[in-house]
Amino acid sequence: MHYLKSIELDIGKWQPSPMIPGGQRALAAELQIYCPSVQLVTFWIGNSRVRWSYTTNTGQWQHKIDPQLYPQYSNTWCLF
């Protein structure tokens, strides 16, 4: 997993659900500890996609929420 840059995780059924941004950022940062090359972590929670991107310039995680999306319609999951 040395070259892994992006990962998508469906955390919609986790209990308790990490719905708050601080919990999601902590999960993304924890993944980066074990895989330092990760720069984009996407969490699926029901029909919402929360994308966390790591900026090397600032050393911080930024997030963007895309509501009303579904994993089965994401182009990331498609086979080419």
N, C-alpha and C. Protein backbone atom coordinates (compact mmCIF):
# COMPACT_ATOMS: atom_id res chain seq x y z
N MET A 1 0.82 -1.20 0.00
CA MET A 1 0.00 0.00 0.00
C MET A 1 0.86 1.26 0.00
N HIS A 2 2.11 1.12 -0.38
CA HIS A 2 3.02 2.25 -0.37
C HIS A 2 2.61 3.34 -1.36
N TYR A 3 1.97 2.96 -2.47
CA TYR A 3 1.62 3.92 -3.51
C TYR A 3 0.15 4.33 -3.49
N LEU A 4 -0.59 3.92 -2.49
CA LEU A 4 -2.01 4.24 -2.40
C LEU A 4 -2.20 5.74 -2.19
N LYS A 5 -2.94 6.38 -3.08
CA LYS A 5 -3.19 7.83 -3.00
C LYS A 5 -4.60 8.16 -2.53
N SER A 6 -5.56 7.25 -2.82
CA SER A 6 -6.96 7.53 -2.54
C SER A 6 -7.65 6.26 -2.05
N ILE A 7 -8.59 6.44 -1.12
CA ILE A 7 -9.37 5.31 -0.63
C ILE A 7 -10.79 5.78 -0.34
N GLU A 8 -11.77 4.92 -0.63
CA GLU A 8 -13.17 5.20 -0.33
C GLU A 8 -13.67 4.15 0.64
N LEU A 9 -14.36 4.60 1.68
CA LEU A 9 -14.87 3.71 2.71
C LEU A 9 -16.34 3.99 2.95
N ASP A 10 -17.13 2.95 3.04
CA ASP A 10 -18.55 3.08 3.39
C ASP A 10 -18.67 2.89 4.89
N ILE A 11 -18.91 3.98 5.61
CA ILE A 11 -18.99 3.92 7.06
C ILE A 11 -20.41 4.18 7.55
N GLY A 12 -21.38 4.02 6.67
CA GLY A 12 -22.77 4.30 7.00
C GLY A 12 -23.35 3.42 8.08
N LYS A 13 -22.81 2.23 8.27
CA LYS A 13 -23.37 1.30 9.27
C LYS A 13 -22.52 1.19 10.52
N TRP A 14 -21.51 2.04 10.63
CA TRP A 14 -20.68 2.01 11.84
C TRP A 14 -21.48 2.51 13.02
N GLN A 15 -21.27 1.92 14.17
CA GLN A 15 -21.92 2.35 15.40
C GLN A 15 -20.86 2.61 16.45
N PRO A 16 -20.76 3.76 17.03
CA PRO A 16 -21.47 4.98 16.65
C PRO A 16 -20.91 5.54 15.35
N SER A 17 -21.78 6.20 14.63
CA SER A 17 -21.42 6.74 13.32
C SER A 17 -20.57 8.00 13.49
N PRO A 18 -19.43 8.07 12.80
CA PRO A 18 -18.59 9.28 12.87
C PRO A 18 -19.14 10.38 11.95
N MET A 19 -20.27 10.93 12.32
CA MET A 19 -20.92 11.95 11.50
C MET A 19 -20.25 13.32 11.64
N ILE A 20 -19.61 13.56 12.77
CA ILE A 20 -19.02 14.88 12.99
C ILE A 20 -17.69 14.98 12.24
N PRO A 21 -17.38 16.14 11.69
CA PRO A 21 -16.15 16.30 10.91
C PRO A 21 -14.88 15.96 11.69
N GLY A 22 -14.85 16.26 12.97
CA GLY A 22 -13.65 15.98 13.76
C GLY A 22 -13.33 14.49 13.81
N GLY A 23 -14.36 13.66 13.92
CA GLY A 23 -14.17 12.21 13.93
C GLY A 23 -13.69 11.70 12.59
N GLN A 24 -14.24 12.25 11.52
CA GLN A 24 -13.84 11.84 10.17
C GLN A 24 -12.39 12.26 9.88
N ARG A 25 -12.05 13.46 10.29
CA ARG A 25 -10.68 13.94 10.09
C ARG A 25 -9.69 13.06 10.86
N ALA A 26 -10.06 12.65 12.06
CA ALA A 26 -9.20 11.77 12.86
C ALA A 26 -9.01 10.42 12.16
N LEU A 27 -10.08 9.88 11.56
CA LEU A 27 -9.96 8.62 10.82
C LEU A 27 -9.05 8.77 9.61
N ALA A 28 -9.21 9.87 8.89
CA ALA A 28 -8.36 10.11 7.71
C ALA A 28 -6.90 10.23 8.13
N ALA A 29 -6.64 10.96 9.20
CA ALA A 29 -5.27 11.13 9.68
C ALA A 29 -4.69 9.80 10.17
N GLU A 30 -5.52 8.98 10.78
CA GLU A 30 -5.07 7.66 11.25
C GLU A 30 -4.69 6.77 10.07
N LEU A 31 -5.49 6.82 9.00
CA LEU A 31 -5.14 6.06 7.81
C LEU A 31 -3.80 6.51 7.24
N GLN A 32 -3.56 7.81 7.30
CA GLN A 32 -2.31 8.34 6.75
C GLN A 32 -1.10 7.93 7.58
N ILE A 33 -1.28 7.65 8.85
CA ILE A 33 -0.17 7.16 9.67
C ILE A 33 0.32 5.82 9.13
N TYR A 34 -0.61 4.94 8.77
CA TYR A 34 -0.25 3.62 8.29
C TYR A 34 0.06 3.58 6.79
N CYS A 35 -0.41 4.58 6.08
CA CYS A 35 -0.16 4.65 4.64
C CYS A 35 0.12 6.12 4.30
N PRO A 36 1.36 6.59 4.45
CA PRO A 36 1.70 8.00 4.30
C PRO A 36 1.40 8.59 2.92
N SER A 37 1.25 7.76 1.90
CA SER A 37 1.00 8.28 0.56
C SER A 37 -0.46 8.70 0.34
N VAL A 38 -1.37 8.35 1.25
CA VAL A 38 -2.79 8.68 1.10
C VAL A 38 -2.99 10.19 1.18
N GLN A 39 -3.66 10.73 0.16
CA GLN A 39 -3.95 12.17 0.12
C GLN A 39 -5.43 12.47 -0.01
N LEU A 40 -6.23 11.45 -0.34
CA LEU A 40 -7.68 11.64 -0.47
C LEU A 40 -8.39 10.47 0.19
N VAL A 41 -9.23 10.79 1.18
CA VAL A 41 -10.04 9.78 1.86
C VAL A 41 -11.49 10.18 1.68
N THR A 42 -12.28 9.26 1.12
CA THR A 42 -13.70 9.52 0.89
C THR A 42 -14.51 8.62 1.79
N PHE A 43 -15.42 9.22 2.55
CA PHE A 43 -16.32 8.46 3.41
C PHE A 43 -17.73 8.53 2.83
N TRP A 44 -18.36 7.38 2.68
CA TRP A 44 -19.76 7.31 2.29
C TRP A 44 -20.59 7.08 3.54
N ILE A 45 -21.55 7.95 3.75
CA ILE A 45 -22.46 7.82 4.89
C ILE A 45 -23.87 7.94 4.32
N GLY A 46 -24.52 6.80 4.10
CA GLY A 46 -25.83 6.81 3.46
C GLY A 46 -25.71 7.36 2.05
N ASN A 47 -26.44 8.42 1.77
CA ASN A 47 -26.40 9.01 0.43
C ASN A 47 -25.55 10.28 0.39
N SER A 48 -24.60 10.39 1.29
CA SER A 48 -23.69 11.54 1.31
C SER A 48 -22.25 11.05 1.16
N ARG A 49 -21.49 11.81 0.40
CA ARG A 49 -20.07 11.54 0.22
C ARG A 49 -19.30 12.70 0.85
N VAL A 50 -18.38 12.35 1.73
CA VAL A 50 -17.54 13.36 2.38
C VAL A 50 -16.11 13.08 1.96
N ARG A 51 -15.54 14.03 1.21
CA ARG A 51 -14.18 13.86 0.70
C ARG A 51 -13.20 14.69 1.54
N TRP A 52 -12.20 14.01 2.07
CA TRP A 52 -11.14 14.66 2.84
C TRP A 52 -9.87 14.62 2.03
N SER A 53 -9.31 15.79 1.77
CA SER A 53 -8.07 15.84 1.00
C SER A 53 -6.98 16.47 1.87
N TYR A 54 -5.79 15.89 1.76
CA TYR A 54 -4.65 16.36 2.53
C TYR A 54 -3.81 17.29 1.67
N THR A 55 -3.57 18.49 2.17
CA THR A 55 -2.76 19.47 1.47
C THR A 55 -1.36 19.46 2.08
N THR A 56 -0.40 19.08 1.27
CA THR A 56 0.97 18.99 1.79
C THR A 56 1.56 20.37 2.11
N ASN A 57 1.10 21.41 1.42
CA ASN A 57 1.62 22.76 1.69
C ASN A 57 1.30 23.22 3.11
N THR A 58 0.06 22.95 3.53
CA THR A 58 -0.37 23.40 4.85
C THR A 58 -0.29 22.29 5.89
N GLY A 59 -0.24 21.04 5.45
CA GLY A 59 -0.22 19.92 6.37
C GLY A 59 -1.55 19.71 7.06
N GLN A 60 -2.64 20.12 6.40
CA GLN A 60 -3.96 20.03 7.00
C GLN A 60 -4.93 19.29 6.09
N TRP A 61 -5.97 18.75 6.71
CA TRP A 61 -7.04 18.06 5.99
C TRP A 61 -8.19 19.03 5.74
N GLN A 62 -8.69 19.05 4.51
CA GLN A 62 -9.85 19.86 4.13
C GLN A 62 -10.96 18.91 3.70
N HIS A 63 -12.21 19.27 3.96
CA HIS A 63 -13.29 18.38 3.57
C HIS A 63 -14.33 19.09 2.71
N LYS A 64 -15.03 18.27 1.93
CA LYS A 64 -16.12 18.75 1.08
C LYS A 64 -17.23 17.71 1.14
N ILE A 65 -18.44 18.17 1.38
CA ILE A 65 -19.59 17.27 1.50
C ILE A 65 -20.41 17.34 0.21
N ASP A 66 -20.69 16.17 -0.35
CA ASP A 66 -21.54 16.06 -1.54
C ASP A 66 -22.79 15.28 -1.14
N PRO A 67 -23.90 15.98 -0.83
CA PRO A 67 -25.12 15.26 -0.44
C PRO A 67 -25.85 14.71 -1.66
N GLN A 68 -26.76 13.80 -1.39
CA GLN A 68 -27.63 13.22 -2.42
C GLN A 68 -26.88 12.46 -3.50
N LEU A 69 -25.84 11.74 -3.11
CA LEU A 69 -25.12 10.87 -4.02
C LEU A 69 -25.19 9.45 -3.47
N TYR A 70 -24.95 8.48 -4.32
CA TYR A 70 -24.96 7.09 -3.89
C TYR A 70 -23.71 6.40 -4.42
N PRO A 71 -23.10 5.51 -3.61
CA PRO A 71 -21.87 4.85 -4.04
C PRO A 71 -22.00 4.10 -5.35
N GLN A 72 -23.14 3.47 -5.59
CA GLN A 72 -23.30 2.68 -6.82
C GLN A 72 -23.31 3.54 -8.07
N TYR A 73 -23.49 4.85 -7.93
CA TYR A 73 -23.47 5.75 -9.09
C TYR A 73 -22.17 6.55 -9.18
N SER A 74 -21.23 6.27 -8.30
CA SER A 74 -19.95 6.97 -8.32
C SER A 74 -19.08 6.41 -9.43
N ASN A 75 -18.41 7.28 -10.17
CA ASN A 75 -17.54 6.81 -11.24
C ASN A 75 -16.26 6.17 -10.70
N THR A 76 -15.96 6.31 -9.44
CA THR A 76 -14.79 5.68 -8.84
C THR A 76 -14.93 4.17 -8.80
N TRP A 77 -16.16 3.69 -8.67
CA TRP A 77 -16.42 2.27 -8.51
C TRP A 77 -16.53 1.57 -9.86
N CYS A 78 -16.50 2.28 -10.96
CA CYS A 78 -16.70 1.68 -12.27
C CYS A 78 -15.45 0.91 -12.72
N LEU A 79 -15.66 -0.13 -13.49
CA LEU A 79 -14.57 -0.88 -14.09
C LEU A 79 -14.43 -0.44 -15.54
N PHE A 80 -13.21 -0.26 -15.97
CA PHE A 80 -12.97 0.18 -17.35
C PHE A 80 -12.28 -0.92 -18.11
